[in-house]
């Protein structure tokens, strides 16, 4: 059996200051996720994504654990 691959993907486009809003980070996350999903068997891959408001320090730490 192949080893399990774990991926925690985090992307933030939306920031409180409108001058710091980004474009494309969440799109990049989606592309990386699709890359992994298409190259690894479902039973081998465990992907968690956190985007924008979900991507808090606490949530990243919790997901990492």
PDB file of N, CA and C in Angstrom:
ATOM      1  N   UNK A   1       0.842  -1.187   0.000  1.00  0.00           N
ATOM      2  CA  UNK A   1       0.000   0.000   0.000  1.00  0.00           C
ATOM      3  C   UNK A   1       0.886   1.249   0.000  1.00  0.00           C
ATOM      4  N   UNK A   2       0.524   2.206  -0.805  1.00  0.00           N
ATOM      5  CA  UNK A   2       1.269   3.463  -0.895  1.00  0.00           C
ATOM      6  C   UNK A   2       1.001   4.325   0.334  1.00  0.00           C
ATOM      7  N   UNK A   3       1.989   5.135   0.704  1.00  0.00           N
ATOM      8  CA  UNK A   3       1.779   6.005   1.876  1.00  0.00           C
ATOM      9  C   UNK A   3       0.707   7.062   1.602  1.00  0.00           C
ATOM     10  N   UNK A   4       0.058   7.472   2.665  1.00  0.00           N
ATOM     11  CA  UNK A   4      -0.975   8.517   2.582  1.00  0.00           C
ATOM     12  C   UNK A   4      -0.287   9.866   2.374  1.00  0.00           C
ATOM     13  N   UNK A   5      -0.861  10.684   1.519  1.00  0.00           N
ATOM     14  CA  UNK A   5      -0.359  12.036   1.265  1.00  0.00           C
ATOM     15  C   UNK A   5      -1.346  13.021   1.882  1.00  0.00           C
ATOM     16  N   UNK A   6      -0.844  13.848   2.775  1.00  0.00           N
ATOM     17  CA  UNK A   6      -1.662  14.865   3.435  1.00  0.00           C
ATOM     18  C   UNK A   6      -1.261  16.232   2.895  1.00  0.00           C
ATOM     19  N   UNK A   7      -2.264  17.046   2.561  1.00  0.00           N
ATOM     20  CA  UNK A   7      -1.989  18.394   2.059  1.00  0.00           C
ATOM     21  C   UNK A   7      -2.911  19.378   2.766  1.00  0.00           C
ATOM     22  N   UNK A   8      -2.314  20.402   3.319  1.00  0.00           N
ATOM     23  CA  UNK A   8      -3.072  21.519   3.887  1.00  0.00           C
ATOM     24  C   UNK A   8      -2.802  22.718   2.986  1.00  0.00           C
ATOM     25  N   UNK A   9      -3.827  23.143   2.273  1.00  0.00           N
ATOM     26  CA  UNK A   9      -3.696  24.248   1.324  1.00  0.00           C
ATOM     27  C   UNK A   9      -4.400  25.474   1.889  1.00  0.00           C
ATOM     28  N   UNK A  10      -3.674  26.578   1.958  1.00  0.00           N
ATOM     29  CA  UNK A  10      -4.200  27.813   2.544  1.00  0.00           C
ATOM     30  C   UNK A  10      -4.012  28.946   1.541  1.00  0.00           C
ATOM     31  N   UNK A  11      -5.090  29.718   1.319  1.00  0.00           N
ATOM     32  CA  UNK A  11      -5.015  30.853   0.387  1.00  0.00           C
ATOM     33  C   UNK A  11      -5.920  31.966   0.871  1.00  0.00           C
ATOM     34  N   UNK A  12      -5.406  33.185   0.790  1.00  0.00           N
ATOM     35  CA  UNK A  12      -6.181  34.352   1.215  1.00  0.00           C
ATOM     36  C   UNK A  12      -6.125  35.416   0.125  1.00  0.00           C
ATOM     37  N   UNK A  13      -7.288  35.756  -0.386  1.00  0.00           N
ATOM     38  CA  UNK A  13      -7.432  36.874  -1.321  1.00  0.00           C
ATOM     39  C   UNK A  13      -8.015  38.092  -0.609  1.00  0.00           C
ATOM     40  N   UNK A  14      -8.882  37.856   0.361  1.00  0.00           N
ATOM     41  CA  UNK A  14      -9.659  38.926   0.992  1.00  0.00           C
ATOM     42  C   UNK A  14      -9.013  39.368   2.309  1.00  0.00           C
ATOM     43  N   UNK A  15      -8.569  40.603   2.334  1.00  0.00           N
ATOM     44  CA  UNK A  15      -7.981  41.186   3.533  1.00  0.00           C
ATOM     45  C   UNK A  15      -8.837  42.369   3.979  1.00  0.00           C
ATOM     46  N   UNK A  16      -8.795  42.706   5.264  1.00  0.00           N
ATOM     47  CA  UNK A  16      -9.631  43.810   5.763  1.00  0.00           C
ATOM     48  C   UNK A  16      -9.372  45.145   5.055  1.00  0.00           C
ATOM     49  N   UNK A  17      -8.132  45.424   4.760  1.00  0.00           N
ATOM     50  CA  UNK A  17      -7.784  46.666   4.075  1.00  0.00           C
ATOM     51  C   UNK A  17      -7.992  46.476   2.571  1.00  0.00           C
ATOM     52  N   UNK A  18      -8.911  47.234   1.962  1.00  0.00           N
ATOM     53  CA  UNK A  18      -9.181  47.054   0.531  1.00  0.00           C
ATOM     54  C   UNK A  18      -7.963  47.290  -0.365  1.00  0.00           C
ATOM     55  N   UNK A  19      -6.966  48.015   0.145  1.00  0.00           N
ATOM     56  CA  UNK A  19      -5.753  48.242  -0.631  1.00  0.00           C
ATOM     57  C   UNK A  19      -4.873  46.997  -0.699  1.00  0.00           C
ATOM     58  N   UNK A  20      -5.152  46.018   0.162  1.00  0.00           N
ATOM     59  CA  UNK A  20      -4.329  44.815   0.230  1.00  0.00           C
ATOM     60  C   UNK A  20      -5.032  43.568  -0.296  1.00  0.00           C
ATOM     61  N   UNK A  21      -6.168  43.741  -0.921  1.00  0.00           N
ATOM     62  CA  UNK A  21      -6.896  42.601  -1.479  1.00  0.00           C
ATOM     63  C   UNK A  21      -6.101  42.024  -2.649  1.00  0.00           C
ATOM     64  N   UNK A  22      -6.006  40.715  -2.686  1.00  0.00           N
ATOM     65  CA  UNK A  22      -5.277  40.031  -3.746  1.00  0.00           C
ATOM     66  C   UNK A  22      -6.254  39.341  -4.688  1.00  0.00           C
ATOM     67  N   UNK A  23      -5.768  38.957  -5.812  1.00  0.00           N
ATOM     68  CA  UNK A  23      -6.556  38.189  -6.772  1.00  0.00           C
ATOM     69  C   UNK A  23      -5.719  36.996  -7.207  1.00  0.00           C
ATOM     70  N   UNK A  24      -6.322  35.839  -7.203  1.00  0.00           N
ATOM     71  CA  UNK A  24      -5.635  34.677  -7.746  1.00  0.00           C
ATOM     72  C   UNK A  24      -5.137  33.664  -6.743  1.00  0.00           C
ATOM     73  N   UNK A  25      -5.017  34.023  -5.491  1.00  0.00           N
ATOM     74  CA  UNK A  25      -4.503  33.067  -4.503  1.00  0.00           C
ATOM     75  C   UNK A  25      -5.441  31.865  -4.356  1.00  0.00           C
ATOM     76  N   UNK A  26      -6.727  32.133  -4.232  1.00  0.00           N
ATOM     77  CA  UNK A  26      -7.702  31.044  -4.102  1.00  0.00           C
ATOM     78  C   UNK A  26      -7.754  30.241  -5.401  1.00  0.00           C
ATOM     79  N   UNK A  27      -7.627  30.916  -6.533  1.00  0.00           N
ATOM     80  CA  UNK A  27      -7.573  30.193  -7.813  1.00  0.00           C
ATOM     81  C   UNK A  27      -6.354  29.280  -7.872  1.00  0.00           C
ATOM     82  N   UNK A  28      -5.220  29.742  -7.384  1.00  0.00           N
ATOM     83  CA  UNK A  28      -4.019  28.912  -7.345  1.00  0.00           C
ATOM     84  C   UNK A  28      -4.226  27.697  -6.439  1.00  0.00           C
ATOM     85  N   UNK A  29      -4.846  27.907  -5.293  1.00  0.00           N
ATOM     86  CA  UNK A  29      -5.147  26.810  -4.385  1.00  0.00           C
ATOM     87  C   UNK A  29      -6.011  25.766  -5.102  1.00  0.00           C
ATOM     88  N   UNK A  30      -7.024  26.217  -5.803  1.00  0.00           N
ATOM     89  CA  UNK A  30      -7.909  25.303  -6.536  1.00  0.00           C
ATOM     90  C   UNK A  30      -7.123  24.513  -7.580  1.00  0.00           C
ATOM     91  N   UNK A  31      -6.224  25.170  -8.268  1.00  0.00           N
ATOM     92  CA  UNK A  31      -5.411  24.498  -9.289  1.00  0.00           C
ATOM     93  C   UNK A  31      -4.495  23.446  -8.664  1.00  0.00           C
ATOM     94  N   UNK A  32      -3.878  23.765  -7.536  1.00  0.00           N
ATOM     95  CA  UNK A  32      -3.003  22.808  -6.859  1.00  0.00           C
ATOM     96  C   UNK A  32      -3.817  21.618  -6.365  1.00  0.00           C
ATOM     97  N   UNK A  33      -5.002  21.882  -5.809  1.00  0.00           N
ATOM     98  CA  UNK A  33      -5.861  20.796  -5.337  1.00  0.00           C
ATOM     99  C   UNK A  33      -6.237  19.876  -6.495  1.00  0.00           C
ATOM    100  N   UNK A  34      -6.641  20.454  -7.610  1.00  0.00           N
ATOM    101  CA  UNK A  34      -7.001  19.647  -8.776  1.00  0.00           C
ATOM    102  C   UNK A  34      -5.807  18.832  -9.282  1.00  0.00           C
ATOM    103  N   UNK A  35      -4.628  19.421  -9.259  1.00  0.00           N
ATOM    104  CA  UNK A  35      -3.412  18.709  -9.652  1.00  0.00           C
ATOM    105  C   UNK A  35      -3.232  17.467  -8.788  1.00  0.00           C
ATOM    106  N   UNK A  36      -3.343  17.631  -7.476  1.00  0.00           N
ATOM    107  CA  UNK A  36      -3.183  16.500  -6.561  1.00  0.00           C
ATOM    108  C   UNK A  36      -4.263  15.448  -6.766  1.00  0.00           C
ATOM    109  N   UNK A  37      -5.505  15.889  -6.881  1.00  0.00           N
ATOM    110  CA  UNK A  37      -6.638  14.967  -7.036  1.00  0.00           C
ATOM    111  C   UNK A  37      -6.505  14.138  -8.312  1.00  0.00           C
ATOM    112  N   UNK A  38      -5.993  14.741  -9.373  1.00  0.00           N
ATOM    113  CA  UNK A  38      -5.875  14.024 -10.637  1.00  0.00           C
ATOM    114  C   UNK A  38      -4.646  13.129 -10.712  1.00  0.00           C
ATOM    115  N   UNK A  39      -3.720  13.263  -9.788  1.00  0.00           N
ATOM    116  CA  UNK A  39      -2.490  12.486  -9.857  1.00  0.00           C
ATOM    117  C   UNK A  39      -2.354  11.417  -8.786  1.00  0.00           C
ATOM    118  N   UNK A  40      -3.197  11.484  -7.781  1.00  0.00           N
ATOM    119  CA  UNK A  40      -3.113  10.502  -6.697  1.00  0.00           C
ATOM    120  C   UNK A  40      -4.457   9.815  -6.523  1.00  0.00           C
ATOM    121  N   UNK A  41      -4.438   8.537  -6.195  1.00  0.00           N
ATOM    122  CA  UNK A  41      -5.697   7.839  -5.925  1.00  0.00           C
ATOM    123  C   UNK A  41      -6.403   8.454  -4.715  1.00  0.00           C
ATOM    124  N   UNK A  42      -7.716   8.479  -4.751  1.00  0.00           N
ATOM    125  CA  UNK A  42      -8.512   9.108  -3.683  1.00  0.00           C
ATOM    126  C   UNK A  42      -8.185   8.532  -2.317  1.00  0.00           C
ATOM    127  N   UNK A  43      -7.965   7.230  -2.240  1.00  0.00           N
ATOM    128  CA  UNK A  43      -7.686   6.613  -0.935  1.00  0.00           C
ATOM    129  C   UNK A  43      -6.293   6.954  -0.409  1.00  0.00           C
ATOM    130  N   UNK A  44      -5.449   7.495  -1.258  1.00  0.00           N
ATOM    131  CA  UNK A  44      -4.095   7.867  -0.856  1.00  0.00           C
ATOM    132  C   UNK A  44      -3.986   9.338  -0.463  1.00  0.00           C
ATOM    133  N   UNK A  45      -4.982  10.149  -0.818  1.00  0.00           N
ATOM    134  CA  UNK A  45      -4.882  11.597  -0.655  1.00  0.00           C
ATOM    135  C   UNK A  45      -5.862  12.134   0.372  1.00  0.00           C
ATOM    136  N   UNK A  46      -5.356  12.966   1.257  1.00  0.00           N
ATOM    137  CA  UNK A  46      -6.170  13.679   2.248  1.00  0.00           C
ATOM    138  C   UNK A  46      -5.857  15.163   2.101  1.00  0.00           C
ATOM    139  N   UNK A  47      -6.806  15.930   1.550  1.00  0.00           N
ATOM    140  CA  UNK A  47      -6.590  17.360   1.307  1.00  0.00           C
ATOM    141  C   UNK A  47      -7.545  18.174   2.163  1.00  0.00           C
ATOM    142  N   UNK A  48      -6.999  19.177   2.828  1.00  0.00           N
ATOM    143  CA  UNK A  48      -7.817  20.139   3.564  1.00  0.00           C
ATOM    144  C   UNK A  48      -7.484  21.518   3.015  1.00  0.00           C
ATOM    145  N   UNK A  49      -8.519  22.318   2.792  1.00  0.00           N
ATOM    146  CA  UNK A  49      -8.302  23.668   2.296  1.00  0.00           C
ATOM    147  C   UNK A  49      -8.903  24.689   3.254  1.00  0.00           C
ATOM    148  N   UNK A  50      -8.207  25.789   3.399  1.00  0.00           N
ATOM    149  CA  UNK A  50      -8.683  26.935   4.175  1.00  0.00           C
ATOM    150  C   UNK A  50      -8.505  28.168   3.299  1.00  0.00           C
ATOM    151  N   UNK A  51      -9.603  28.881   3.097  1.00  0.00           N
ATOM    152  CA  UNK A  51      -9.521  30.074   2.259  1.00  0.00           C
ATOM    153  C   UNK A  51     -10.126  31.272   2.981  1.00  0.00           C
ATOM    154  N   UNK A  52      -9.576  32.418   2.682  1.00  0.00           N
ATOM    155  CA  UNK A  52     -10.063  33.705   3.165  1.00  0.00           C
ATOM    156  C   UNK A  52     -10.369  33.677   4.668  1.00  0.00           C
ATOM    157  N   UNK A  53     -11.598  33.936   5.075  1.00  0.00           N
ATOM    158  CA  UNK A  53     -11.938  34.047   6.503  1.00  0.00           C
ATOM    159  C   UNK A  53     -11.695  32.754   7.271  1.00  0.00           C
ATOM    160  N   UNK A  54     -11.713  31.610   6.590  1.00  0.00           N
ATOM    161  CA  UNK A  54     -11.441  30.330   7.255  1.00  0.00           C
ATOM    162  C   UNK A  54      -9.971  30.206   7.653  1.00  0.00           C
ATOM    163  N   UNK A  55      -9.103  30.932   6.986  1.00  0.00           N
ATOM    164  CA  UNK A  55      -7.663  30.763   7.132  1.00  0.00           C
ATOM    165  C   UNK A  55      -7.104  31.566   8.311  1.00  0.00           C
ATOM    166  N   UNK A  56      -7.689  31.359   9.468  1.00  0.00           N
ATOM    167  CA  UNK A  56      -7.189  32.023  10.666  1.00  0.00           C
ATOM    168  C   UNK A  56      -6.003  31.242  11.223  1.00  0.00           C
ATOM    169  N   UNK A  57      -5.248  31.890  12.061  1.00  0.00           N
ATOM    170  CA  UNK A  57      -4.117  31.220  12.709  1.00  0.00           C
ATOM    171  C   UNK A  57      -4.601  29.983  13.453  1.00  0.00           C
ATOM    172  N   UNK A  58      -5.665  30.135  14.213  1.00  0.00           N
ATOM    173  CA  UNK A  58      -6.197  29.016  14.991  1.00  0.00           C
ATOM    174  C   UNK A  58      -6.629  27.861  14.097  1.00  0.00           C
ATOM    175  N   UNK A  59      -7.297  28.162  12.995  1.00  0.00           N
ATOM    176  CA  UNK A  59      -7.742  27.098  12.091  1.00  0.00           C
ATOM    177  C   UNK A  59      -6.589  26.394  11.402  1.00  0.00           C
ATOM    178  N   UNK A  60      -5.549  27.148  11.059  1.00  0.00           N
ATOM    179  CA  UNK A  60      -4.372  26.530  10.436  1.00  0.00           C
ATOM    180  C   UNK A  60      -3.694  25.603  11.441  1.00  0.00           C
ATOM    181  N   UNK A  61      -3.543  26.065  12.672  1.00  0.00           N
ATOM    182  CA  UNK A  61      -2.923  25.212  13.696  1.00  0.00           C
ATOM    183  C   UNK A  61      -3.763  23.971  13.935  1.00  0.00           C
ATOM    184  N   UNK A  62      -5.065  24.135  14.051  1.00  0.00           N
ATOM    185  CA  UNK A  62      -5.960  22.993  14.273  1.00  0.00           C
ATOM    186  C   UNK A  62      -5.883  22.002  13.097  1.00  0.00           C
ATOM    187  N   UNK A  63      -5.877  22.503  11.894  1.00  0.00           N
ATOM    188  CA  UNK A  63      -5.802  21.632  10.720  1.00  0.00           C
ATOM    189  C   UNK A  63      -4.476  20.892  10.671  1.00  0.00           C
ATOM    190  N   UNK A  64      -3.410  21.557  11.072  1.00  0.00           N
ATOM    191  CA  UNK A  64      -2.083  20.951  11.056  1.00  0.00           C
ATOM    192  C   UNK A  64      -2.005  19.781  12.034  1.00  0.00           C
ATOM    193  N   UNK A  65      -2.689  19.934  13.153  1.00  0.00           N
ATOM    194  CA  UNK A  65      -2.662  18.889  14.176  1.00  0.00           C
ATOM    195  C   UNK A  65      -3.526  17.735  13.742  1.00  0.00           C
TER     196      UNK A  65
END
